[in-house]
């Protein structure tokens, strides 16, 4: 029996984790502040506090044992990143960087990508918008991949610039 791929979303408070979860699952529910770990089908939505406060890193580490992929969300409207450099190397899971709010007039896509490049030394970065649907199908496809090589091959097949591979 093959294990079903499962993704954990981590990022700052307000980065768009719950909104992205709803978009990925095609749920019409309104996003509300996540207070605890929420398991939905193949997604684990985490509270922003888990990433913003190093005291809670143990919760992220424990939850990572249950998933195959970790999605690192960077809000394109924020000038700073809450992730320490190389943060993804602490997890033996496939990393996916996700730029959220990519359609906002306040978005700085270039800065958000640069933040994620410091977090994920190697892997895909998806520019997304949960409102327009940009990048949503690409994230779903990347979570179906079983290796960085498979993710790179998928990324190389995309020509619209929504996904880059670091």
Protein backbone atom coordinates (compact mmCIF):
# COMPACT_ATOMS: atom_id res chain seq x y z
CA UNK A 1 0.00 0.00 0.00
CA UNK A 2 1.44 3.39 -0.94
CA UNK A 3 1.25 6.22 1.51
CA UNK A 4 -0.90 9.13 0.38
CA UNK A 5 1.03 12.35 -0.02
CA UNK A 6 0.15 14.95 2.59
CA UNK A 7 1.29 18.56 2.86
CA UNK A 8 1.74 20.79 5.91
CA UNK A 9 1.36 24.54 5.39
CA UNK A 10 3.52 26.80 7.56
CA UNK A 11 3.95 30.56 7.55
CA UNK A 12 3.36 33.72 9.50
CA UNK A 13 0.05 34.86 10.96
CA UNK A 14 -2.02 36.21 8.07
CA UNK A 15 0.19 34.68 5.34
CA UNK A 16 -2.82 32.97 3.77
CA UNK A 17 -2.48 29.38 4.99
CA UNK A 18 -6.19 28.81 5.63
CA UNK A 19 -7.23 30.65 2.48
CA UNK A 20 -4.77 28.56 0.45
CA UNK A 21 -6.05 25.39 2.13
CA UNK A 22 -9.60 26.27 1.06
CA UNK A 23 -8.46 27.03 -2.50
CA UNK A 24 -6.48 23.78 -2.78
CA UNK A 25 -9.45 21.76 -1.54
CA UNK A 26 -11.97 23.79 -3.59
CA UNK A 27 -13.82 24.69 -0.40
CA UNK A 28 -15.96 27.81 -0.34
CA UNK A 29 -15.55 28.30 3.40
CA UNK A 30 -14.33 31.65 4.68
CA UNK A 31 -10.86 31.50 6.20
CA UNK A 32 -10.78 32.00 9.95
CA UNK A 33 -7.84 32.34 12.33
CA UNK A 34 -6.35 28.89 12.87
CA UNK A 35 -6.03 28.15 16.59
CA UNK A 36 -4.73 24.57 16.42
CA UNK A 37 -3.60 22.00 13.88
CA UNK A 38 -6.35 21.39 11.36
CA UNK A 39 -6.34 18.24 9.22
CA UNK A 40 -8.26 18.43 5.94
CA UNK A 41 -7.96 15.50 3.53
CA UNK A 42 -4.29 15.77 2.35
CA UNK A 43 -3.51 19.12 4.03
CA UNK A 44 -2.42 20.05 7.55
CA UNK A 45 -3.07 23.75 8.27
CA UNK A 46 -0.97 25.14 11.13
CA UNK A 47 -1.37 28.26 13.27
CA UNK A 48 0.99 31.10 12.34
CA UNK A 49 2.27 31.16 15.91
CA UNK A 50 3.91 27.77 15.29
CA UNK A 51 6.31 29.42 12.87
CA UNK A 52 6.59 32.87 14.42
CA UNK A 53 7.61 31.62 17.87
CA UNK A 54 10.65 29.28 18.06
CA UNK A 55 9.13 27.82 21.24
CA UNK A 56 6.56 26.10 18.98
CA UNK A 57 9.08 24.68 16.48
CA UNK A 58 8.76 21.31 18.27
CA UNK A 59 5.08 21.25 17.20
CA UNK A 60 6.08 21.81 13.56
CA UNK A 61 8.77 19.13 13.82
CA UNK A 62 6.34 16.60 15.30
CA UNK A 63 3.67 17.36 12.70
CA UNK A 64 6.23 17.07 9.90
CA UNK A 65 6.55 13.38 10.77
CA UNK A 66 2.99 12.93 9.45
CA UNK A 67 3.49 14.60 6.05
CA UNK A 68 5.44 14.11 2.82
CA UNK A 69 5.71 17.81 1.85
CA UNK A 70 6.10 21.10 3.70
CA UNK A 71 4.78 24.27 2.08
CA UNK A 72 6.60 27.42 3.23
CA UNK A 73 4.29 30.39 2.70
CA UNK A 74 5.64 33.88 2.14
CA UNK A 75 3.12 36.72 1.97
CA UNK A 76 4.10 38.87 -1.04
CA UNK A 77 2.72 41.96 0.70
CA UNK A 78 5.12 41.61 3.67
CA UNK A 79 8.64 43.01 3.57
CA UNK A 80 10.11 40.52 6.03
CA UNK A 81 10.24 36.76 6.43
CA UNK A 82 9.74 34.91 9.69
CA UNK A 83 11.71 31.88 8.53
CA UNK A 84 15.36 31.53 9.56
CA UNK A 85 17.81 30.96 6.65
CA UNK A 86 17.87 27.32 5.55
CA UNK A 87 14.81 26.51 7.67
CA UNK A 88 13.64 23.80 5.26
CA UNK A 89 16.86 21.82 5.75
CA UNK A 90 15.64 20.94 9.26
CA UNK A 91 12.92 18.77 7.74
CA UNK A 92 13.47 15.57 5.81
CA UNK A 93 10.43 16.41 3.66
CA UNK A 94 9.96 17.74 0.15
CA UNK A 95 9.86 21.55 0.31
CA UNK A 96 7.58 23.80 -1.73
CA UNK A 97 7.90 27.55 -1.44
CA UNK A 98 4.64 29.42 -1.98
CA UNK A 99 4.37 33.14 -2.61
CA UNK A 100 0.87 34.07 -1.42
CA UNK A 101 -1.19 37.14 -2.35
CA UNK A 102 0.64 37.32 -5.67
CA UNK A 103 -2.20 39.31 -7.21
CA UNK A 104 -2.25 42.07 -4.58
CA UNK A 105 -1.35 45.58 -5.77
CA UNK A 106 1.00 45.68 -2.74
CA UNK A 107 2.75 42.45 -3.77
CA UNK A 108 6.52 42.42 -4.20
CA UNK A 109 6.91 39.06 -5.92
CA UNK A 110 10.67 39.45 -6.42
CA UNK A 111 11.29 40.11 -2.70
CA UNK A 112 9.02 37.22 -1.67
CA UNK A 113 10.89 34.82 -3.99
CA UNK A 114 14.22 36.01 -2.57
CA UNK A 115 12.96 35.39 0.98
CA UNK A 116 11.92 31.85 0.01
CA UNK A 117 15.23 31.16 -1.72
CA UNK A 118 16.92 31.72 1.65
CA UNK A 119 14.50 29.29 3.32
CA UNK A 120 14.61 26.58 0.63
CA UNK A 121 18.10 26.01 -0.78
CA UNK A 122 16.68 23.62 -3.42
CA UNK A 123 13.11 23.12 -4.59
CA UNK A 124 10.15 24.70 -6.36
CA UNK A 125 8.66 28.09 -5.59
CA UNK A 126 5.10 28.78 -6.75
CA UNK A 127 3.64 32.27 -7.20
CA UNK A 128 0.02 31.95 -6.13
CA UNK A 129 -3.25 33.72 -5.63
CA UNK A 130 -6.06 31.98 -3.79
CA UNK A 131 -8.43 34.62 -5.19
CA UNK A 132 -7.65 34.21 -8.91
CA UNK A 133 -6.56 30.57 -8.65
CA UNK A 134 -3.05 31.29 -9.93
CA UNK A 135 -0.62 28.54 -8.95
CA UNK A 136 -3.24 26.37 -7.23
CA UNK A 137 -3.15 23.51 -9.74
CA UNK A 138 0.65 23.66 -9.80
CA UNK A 139 0.80 23.27 -6.00
CA UNK A 140 -1.55 20.26 -6.18
CA UNK A 141 0.67 18.69 -8.87
CA UNK A 142 3.88 19.31 -6.90
CA UNK A 143 2.41 17.63 -3.81
CA UNK A 144 1.81 14.54 -5.95
CA UNK A 145 5.54 14.33 -6.73
CA UNK A 146 7.70 11.87 -4.78
CA UNK A 147 11.17 13.42 -5.20
CA UNK A 148 12.96 16.70 -5.85
CA UNK A 149 13.92 15.33 -9.28
CA UNK A 150 10.26 14.66 -10.12
CA UNK A 151 9.39 18.19 -8.90
CA UNK A 152 12.16 19.67 -11.07
CA UNK A 153 10.94 17.77 -14.14
CA UNK A 154 7.39 19.00 -13.51
CA UNK A 155 8.62 22.58 -12.98
CA UNK A 156 10.65 22.43 -16.21
CA UNK A 157 7.47 21.48 -18.10
CA UNK A 158 5.68 24.67 -17.01
CA UNK A 159 6.23 27.68 -19.25
CA UNK A 160 4.01 30.39 -17.73
CA UNK A 161 6.48 31.50 -15.01
CA UNK A 162 4.17 30.54 -12.13
CA UNK A 163 6.74 28.02 -10.80
CA UNK A 164 10.49 28.35 -10.60
CA UNK A 165 12.97 25.76 -9.35
CA UNK A 166 15.83 26.90 -7.12
